[in-house]
Amino acid sequence: MLFGEQMPDKNDPKYKERYERDVDAGRKFAKATRIDKAAAKVQGFANTHRTLFLAIIFGFVIGGLAWNVYRLTVVCRYQPSRRTATEMQDSLLRERHKTLQKIEMRENKADGTR
């Protein structure tokens, strides 16, 4: 299929044996894992309670969609502060300048000169 091979048809005699073998393996797996019984119960519930089944299914779909929109808005609103290297250096220089000014003010007060 990936390299341009034609899709096998279940009625084609060339693929008929392979198709039957694959279907048989799938049925054995479904029977062993009891997926067939679970699917039958879900189908029975869907047949008897059509509106409720559709409400449940669409509720899951709408709930999942709403959750995705919520998470998308949370992610879009979160914007970490991106500072450039120059901004970071400037802020460090300002902090050092302020601490030096405070030290000088303390020394001046201790000397008695203003």
N, C-alpha and C. Protein backbone atom coordinates (compact mmCIF):
# COMPACT_ATOMS: atom_id res chain seq x y z
N MET A 1 0.83 -1.19 0.00
CA MET A 1 0.00 0.00 0.00
C MET A 1 0.87 1.26 0.00
N LEU A 2 1.97 1.23 0.72
CA LEU A 2 2.81 2.42 0.80
C LEU A 2 3.60 2.65 -0.48
N PHE A 3 3.90 1.60 -1.18
CA PHE A 3 4.74 1.72 -2.37
C PHE A 3 3.93 1.63 -3.66
N GLY A 4 2.67 1.97 -3.62
CA GLY A 4 1.85 1.99 -4.82
C GLY A 4 1.16 0.67 -5.11
N GLU A 5 1.22 -0.26 -4.18
CA GLU A 5 0.55 -1.54 -4.38
C GLU A 5 -0.95 -1.31 -4.26
N GLN A 6 -1.73 -2.01 -5.07
CA GLN A 6 -3.17 -1.84 -5.04
C GLN A 6 -3.74 -2.37 -3.74
N MET A 7 -4.85 -1.76 -3.32
CA MET A 7 -5.55 -2.20 -2.12
C MET A 7 -6.14 -3.58 -2.37
N PRO A 8 -5.89 -4.54 -1.48
CA PRO A 8 -6.46 -5.87 -1.70
C PRO A 8 -7.98 -5.85 -1.54
N ASP A 9 -8.67 -6.58 -2.39
CA ASP A 9 -10.12 -6.70 -2.33
C ASP A 9 -10.46 -8.05 -1.71
N LYS A 10 -11.47 -8.07 -0.84
CA LYS A 10 -11.79 -9.33 -0.17
C LYS A 10 -12.34 -10.39 -1.13
N ASN A 11 -12.85 -9.97 -2.28
CA ASN A 11 -13.39 -10.92 -3.25
C ASN A 11 -12.35 -11.37 -4.27
N ASP A 12 -11.20 -10.77 -4.27
CA ASP A 12 -10.15 -11.13 -5.21
C ASP A 12 -9.58 -12.49 -4.81
N PRO A 13 -9.53 -13.45 -5.71
CA PRO A 13 -9.04 -14.79 -5.33
C PRO A 13 -7.58 -14.77 -4.87
N LYS A 14 -6.81 -13.79 -5.32
CA LYS A 14 -5.41 -13.71 -4.91
C LYS A 14 -5.28 -13.40 -3.42
N TYR A 15 -6.20 -12.61 -2.89
CA TYR A 15 -6.13 -12.20 -1.49
C TYR A 15 -7.19 -12.86 -0.62
N LYS A 16 -8.05 -13.69 -1.22
CA LYS A 16 -9.17 -14.25 -0.47
C LYS A 16 -8.71 -15.08 0.72
N GLU A 17 -7.72 -15.94 0.53
CA GLU A 17 -7.24 -16.79 1.63
C GLU A 17 -6.62 -15.93 2.74
N ARG A 18 -5.83 -14.96 2.35
CA ARG A 18 -5.20 -14.07 3.34
C ARG A 18 -6.25 -13.28 4.10
N TYR A 19 -7.27 -12.80 3.39
CA TYR A 19 -8.34 -12.04 4.03
C TYR A 19 -9.10 -12.91 5.03
N GLU A 20 -9.45 -14.11 4.65
CA GLU A 20 -10.17 -15.00 5.55
C GLU A 20 -9.33 -15.36 6.78
N ARG A 21 -8.04 -15.58 6.57
CA ARG A 21 -7.15 -15.89 7.68
C ARG A 21 -7.07 -14.70 8.66
N ASP A 22 -6.97 -13.48 8.13
CA ASP A 22 -6.89 -12.28 8.98
C ASP A 22 -8.19 -12.06 9.74
N VAL A 23 -9.31 -12.24 9.07
CA VAL A 23 -10.62 -12.08 9.72
C VAL A 23 -10.79 -13.12 10.81
N ASP A 24 -10.39 -14.35 10.54
CA ASP A 24 -10.49 -15.42 11.53
C ASP A 24 -9.61 -15.12 12.75
N ALA A 25 -8.41 -14.61 12.51
CA ALA A 25 -7.52 -14.25 13.62
C ALA A 25 -8.12 -13.12 14.44
N GLY A 26 -8.72 -12.16 13.78
CA GLY A 26 -9.37 -11.05 14.49
C GLY A 26 -10.54 -11.52 15.33
N ARG A 27 -11.33 -12.44 14.78
CA ARG A 27 -12.46 -12.98 15.54
C ARG A 27 -11.99 -13.78 16.76
N LYS A 28 -10.92 -14.57 16.59
CA LYS A 28 -10.37 -15.32 17.73
C LYS A 28 -9.86 -14.38 18.82
N PHE A 29 -9.18 -13.32 18.40
CA PHE A 29 -8.68 -12.36 19.37
C PHE A 29 -9.82 -11.68 20.11
N ALA A 30 -10.86 -11.27 19.38
CA ALA A 30 -12.00 -10.60 20.00
C ALA A 30 -12.72 -11.53 20.96
N LYS A 31 -12.81 -12.79 20.59
CA LYS A 31 -13.47 -13.77 21.47
C LYS A 31 -12.63 -14.04 22.71
N ALA A 32 -11.31 -14.12 22.55
CA ALA A 32 -10.42 -14.40 23.68
C ALA A 32 -10.40 -13.23 24.67
N THR A 33 -10.46 -12.02 24.17
CA THR A 33 -10.42 -10.85 25.06
C THR A 33 -11.81 -10.36 25.44
N ARG A 34 -12.84 -11.05 24.94
CA ARG A 34 -14.24 -10.74 25.20
C ARG A 34 -14.65 -9.35 24.71
N ILE A 35 -13.94 -8.86 23.73
CA ILE A 35 -14.32 -7.58 23.12
C ILE A 35 -15.64 -7.74 22.37
N ASP A 36 -15.88 -8.92 21.81
CA ASP A 36 -17.11 -9.14 21.05
C ASP A 36 -18.33 -9.03 21.95
N LYS A 37 -18.25 -9.56 23.18
CA LYS A 37 -19.38 -9.47 24.11
C LYS A 37 -19.60 -8.04 24.57
N ALA A 38 -18.50 -7.32 24.83
CA ALA A 38 -18.63 -5.91 25.24
C ALA A 38 -19.23 -5.08 24.12
N ALA A 39 -18.81 -5.32 22.90
CA ALA A 39 -19.36 -4.59 21.76
C ALA A 39 -20.84 -4.91 21.58
N ALA A 40 -21.21 -6.15 21.80
CA ALA A 40 -22.62 -6.53 21.67
C ALA A 40 -23.47 -5.84 22.74
N LYS A 41 -22.95 -5.75 23.96
CA LYS A 41 -23.69 -5.08 25.03
C LYS A 41 -23.83 -3.59 24.74
N VAL A 42 -22.78 -2.97 24.26
CA VAL A 42 -22.85 -1.55 23.91
C VAL A 42 -23.84 -1.34 22.77
N GLN A 43 -23.81 -2.22 21.79
CA GLN A 43 -24.74 -2.11 20.65
C GLN A 43 -26.18 -2.31 21.12
N GLY A 44 -26.39 -3.25 22.03
CA GLY A 44 -27.74 -3.47 22.58
C GLY A 44 -28.23 -2.25 23.35
N PHE A 45 -27.37 -1.67 24.16
CA PHE A 45 -27.73 -0.45 24.89
C PHE A 45 -28.04 0.69 23.92
N ALA A 46 -27.23 0.83 22.87
CA ALA A 46 -27.45 1.89 21.89
C ALA A 46 -28.76 1.70 21.14
N ASN A 47 -29.13 0.45 20.89
CA ASN A 47 -30.39 0.19 20.19
C ASN A 47 -31.61 0.49 21.05
N THR A 48 -31.52 0.17 22.35
CA THR A 48 -32.68 0.38 23.22
C THR A 48 -32.78 1.82 23.72
N HIS A 49 -31.66 2.48 23.92
CA HIS A 49 -31.66 3.86 24.45
C HIS A 49 -30.92 4.77 23.48
N ARG A 50 -31.52 5.02 22.34
CA ARG A 50 -30.83 5.79 21.29
C ARG A 50 -30.48 7.19 21.73
N THR A 51 -31.44 7.90 22.29
CA THR A 51 -31.21 9.29 22.67
C THR A 51 -30.16 9.39 23.78
N LEU A 52 -30.27 8.54 24.79
CA LEU A 52 -29.31 8.56 25.88
C LEU A 52 -27.91 8.20 25.39
N PHE A 53 -27.82 7.22 24.51
CA PHE A 53 -26.52 6.83 23.97
C PHE A 53 -25.88 7.99 23.19
N LEU A 54 -26.67 8.64 22.36
CA LEU A 54 -26.15 9.79 21.60
C LEU A 54 -25.75 10.92 22.53
N ALA A 55 -26.54 11.14 23.59
CA ALA A 55 -26.21 12.20 24.55
C ALA A 55 -24.89 11.89 25.25
N ILE A 56 -24.68 10.62 25.61
CA ILE A 56 -23.42 10.24 26.26
C ILE A 56 -22.25 10.43 25.31
N ILE A 57 -22.39 9.95 24.09
CA ILE A 57 -21.29 10.05 23.12
C ILE A 57 -20.97 11.50 22.81
N PHE A 58 -22.00 12.29 22.50
CA PHE A 58 -21.75 13.70 22.19
C PHE A 58 -21.28 14.46 23.42
N GLY A 59 -21.70 14.01 24.61
CA GLY A 59 -21.21 14.63 25.84
C GLY A 59 -19.71 14.42 25.99
N PHE A 60 -19.23 13.20 25.69
CA PHE A 60 -17.79 12.95 25.72
C PHE A 60 -17.06 13.80 24.69
N VAL A 61 -17.62 13.89 23.51
CA VAL A 61 -16.97 14.65 22.45
C VAL A 61 -16.91 16.14 22.81
N ILE A 62 -18.02 16.69 23.26
CA ILE A 62 -18.06 18.11 23.62
C ILE A 62 -17.20 18.37 24.85
N GLY A 63 -17.22 17.43 25.81
CA GLY A 63 -16.36 17.58 26.99
C GLY A 63 -14.89 17.58 26.64
N GLY A 64 -14.49 16.67 25.75
CA GLY A 64 -13.10 16.63 25.31
C GLY A 64 -12.71 17.88 24.55
N LEU A 65 -13.61 18.37 23.72
CA LEU A 65 -13.34 19.60 22.98
C LEU A 65 -13.22 20.79 23.93
N ALA A 66 -14.11 20.86 24.92
CA ALA A 66 -14.05 21.95 25.89
C ALA A 66 -12.76 21.89 26.71
N TRP A 67 -12.34 20.69 27.08
CA TRP A 67 -11.09 20.53 27.83
C TRP A 67 -9.89 21.00 27.00
N ASN A 68 -9.89 20.65 25.71
CA ASN A 68 -8.80 21.08 24.84
C ASN A 68 -8.77 22.59 24.69
N VAL A 69 -9.94 23.21 24.55
CA VAL A 69 -10.00 24.68 24.44
C VAL A 69 -9.52 25.32 25.73
N TYR A 70 -9.93 24.77 26.87
CA TYR A 70 -9.49 25.29 28.16
C TYR A 70 -7.96 25.21 28.29
N ARG A 71 -7.40 24.04 27.98
CA ARG A 71 -5.95 23.88 28.10
C ARG A 71 -5.21 24.79 27.12
N LEU A 72 -5.78 24.99 25.94
CA LEU A 72 -5.17 25.87 24.95
C LEU A 72 -5.14 27.31 25.44
N THR A 73 -6.24 27.75 26.07
CA THR A 73 -6.25 29.12 26.58
C THR A 73 -5.29 29.28 27.76
N VAL A 74 -5.18 28.26 28.60
CA VAL A 74 -4.23 28.34 29.72
C VAL A 74 -2.81 28.46 29.19
N VAL A 75 -2.48 27.66 28.20
CA VAL A 75 -1.13 27.69 27.64
C VAL A 75 -0.85 29.01 26.93
N CYS A 76 -1.85 29.51 26.21
CA CYS A 76 -1.64 30.77 25.48
C CYS A 76 -1.51 31.96 26.42
N ARG A 77 -2.20 31.92 27.54
CA ARG A 77 -2.11 33.04 28.50
C ARG A 77 -0.80 33.04 29.26
N TYR A 78 -0.21 31.86 29.44
CA TYR A 78 1.05 31.77 30.18
C TYR A 78 2.17 32.20 29.26
N GLN A 79 2.74 33.33 29.59
CA GLN A 79 3.88 33.81 28.82
C GLN A 79 4.99 34.16 29.80
N PRO A 80 5.98 33.31 29.90
CA PRO A 80 7.07 33.61 30.82
C PRO A 80 7.81 34.87 30.37
N SER A 81 8.37 35.56 31.34
CA SER A 81 9.08 36.79 31.00
C SER A 81 10.37 36.42 30.28
N ARG A 82 10.42 36.82 29.05
CA ARG A 82 11.61 36.55 28.26
C ARG A 82 12.46 37.81 28.24
N ARG A 83 13.58 37.73 28.90
CA ARG A 83 14.48 38.88 28.95
C ARG A 83 15.70 38.59 28.12
N THR A 84 16.14 39.61 27.45
CA THR A 84 17.35 39.45 26.67
C THR A 84 18.56 39.53 27.59
N ALA A 85 19.70 39.18 27.08
CA ALA A 85 20.93 39.21 27.88
C ALA A 85 21.25 40.65 28.27
N THR A 86 20.99 41.60 27.39
CA THR A 86 21.26 43.01 27.69
C THR A 86 20.38 43.49 28.84
N GLU A 87 19.08 43.10 28.81
CA GLU A 87 18.18 43.49 29.89
C GLU A 87 18.63 42.89 31.22
N MET A 88 19.08 41.64 31.19
CA MET A 88 19.53 41.01 32.42
C MET A 88 20.78 41.72 32.97
N GLN A 89 21.71 42.08 32.10
CA GLN A 89 22.91 42.78 32.54
C GLN A 89 22.56 44.15 33.09
N ASP A 90 21.65 44.85 32.42
CA ASP A 90 21.23 46.16 32.91
C ASP A 90 20.61 46.07 34.29
N SER A 91 19.76 45.07 34.50
CA SER A 91 19.13 44.95 35.82
C SER A 91 20.17 44.61 36.89
N LEU A 92 21.15 43.77 36.57
CA LEU A 92 22.20 43.46 37.54
C LEU A 92 23.04 44.70 37.87
N LEU A 93 23.36 45.48 36.84
CA LEU A 93 24.13 46.71 37.08
C LEU A 93 23.35 47.70 37.94
N ARG A 94 22.03 47.81 37.69
CA ARG A 94 21.20 48.70 38.52
C ARG A 94 21.19 48.24 39.98
N GLU A 95 21.04 46.91 40.18
CA GLU A 95 21.04 46.40 41.55
C GLU A 95 22.37 46.66 42.25
N ARG A 96 23.47 46.44 41.55
CA ARG A 96 24.79 46.70 42.14
C ARG A 96 24.98 48.18 42.44
N HIS A 97 24.49 49.01 41.53
CA HIS A 97 24.59 50.45 41.73
C HIS A 97 23.81 50.89 42.97
N LYS A 98 22.61 50.32 43.15
CA LYS A 98 21.79 50.65 44.32
C LYS A 98 22.47 50.20 45.60
N THR A 99 23.04 48.99 45.60
CA THR A 99 23.71 48.52 46.82
C THR A 99 24.93 49.37 47.13
N LEU A 100 25.68 49.79 46.10
CA LEU A 100 26.83 50.68 46.35
C LEU A 100 26.38 52.02 46.91
N GLN A 101 25.27 52.55 46.40
CA GLN A 101 24.76 53.82 46.93
C GLN A 101 24.35 53.67 48.39
N LYS A 102 23.73 52.54 48.74
CA LYS A 102 23.33 52.32 50.12
C LYS A 102 24.55 52.23 51.03
N ILE A 103 25.59 51.55 50.56
CA ILE A 103 26.83 51.42 51.35
C ILE A 103 27.46 52.80 51.55
N GLU A 104 27.50 53.60 50.51
CA GLU A 104 28.06 54.94 50.62
C GLU A 104 27.27 55.79 51.58
N MET A 105 25.93 55.67 51.54
CA MET A 105 25.08 56.44 52.45
C MET A 105 25.36 56.03 53.90
N ARG A 106 25.53 54.73 54.14
CA ARG A 106 25.82 54.27 55.49
C ARG A 106 27.18 54.81 55.97
N GLU A 107 28.16 54.76 55.08
CA GLU A 107 29.49 55.28 55.44
C GLU A 107 29.44 56.77 55.74
N ASN A 108 28.67 57.51 54.94
CA ASN A 108 28.55 58.96 55.16
C ASN A 108 27.87 59.25 56.47
N LYS A 109 26.85 58.46 56.83
CA LYS A 109 26.16 58.66 58.10
C LYS A 109 27.09 58.33 59.27
N ALA A 110 27.90 57.29 59.11
CA ALA A 110 28.82 56.90 60.16
C ALA A 110 29.90 57.97 60.36
N ASP A 111 30.32 58.62 59.29
CA ASP A 111 31.32 59.67 59.38
C ASP A 111 30.73 60.97 59.91
N GLY A 112 29.44 61.12 59.79
CA GLY A 112 28.78 62.33 60.25
C GLY A 112 28.64 63.37 59.15
N THR A 113 29.07 63.09 57.99
CA THR A 113 28.93 64.04 56.89
C THR A 113 27.79 63.62 56.00
N ARG A 114 27.18 64.63 55.49
CA ARG A 114 26.07 64.34 54.58
C ARG A 114 26.32 64.92 53.26
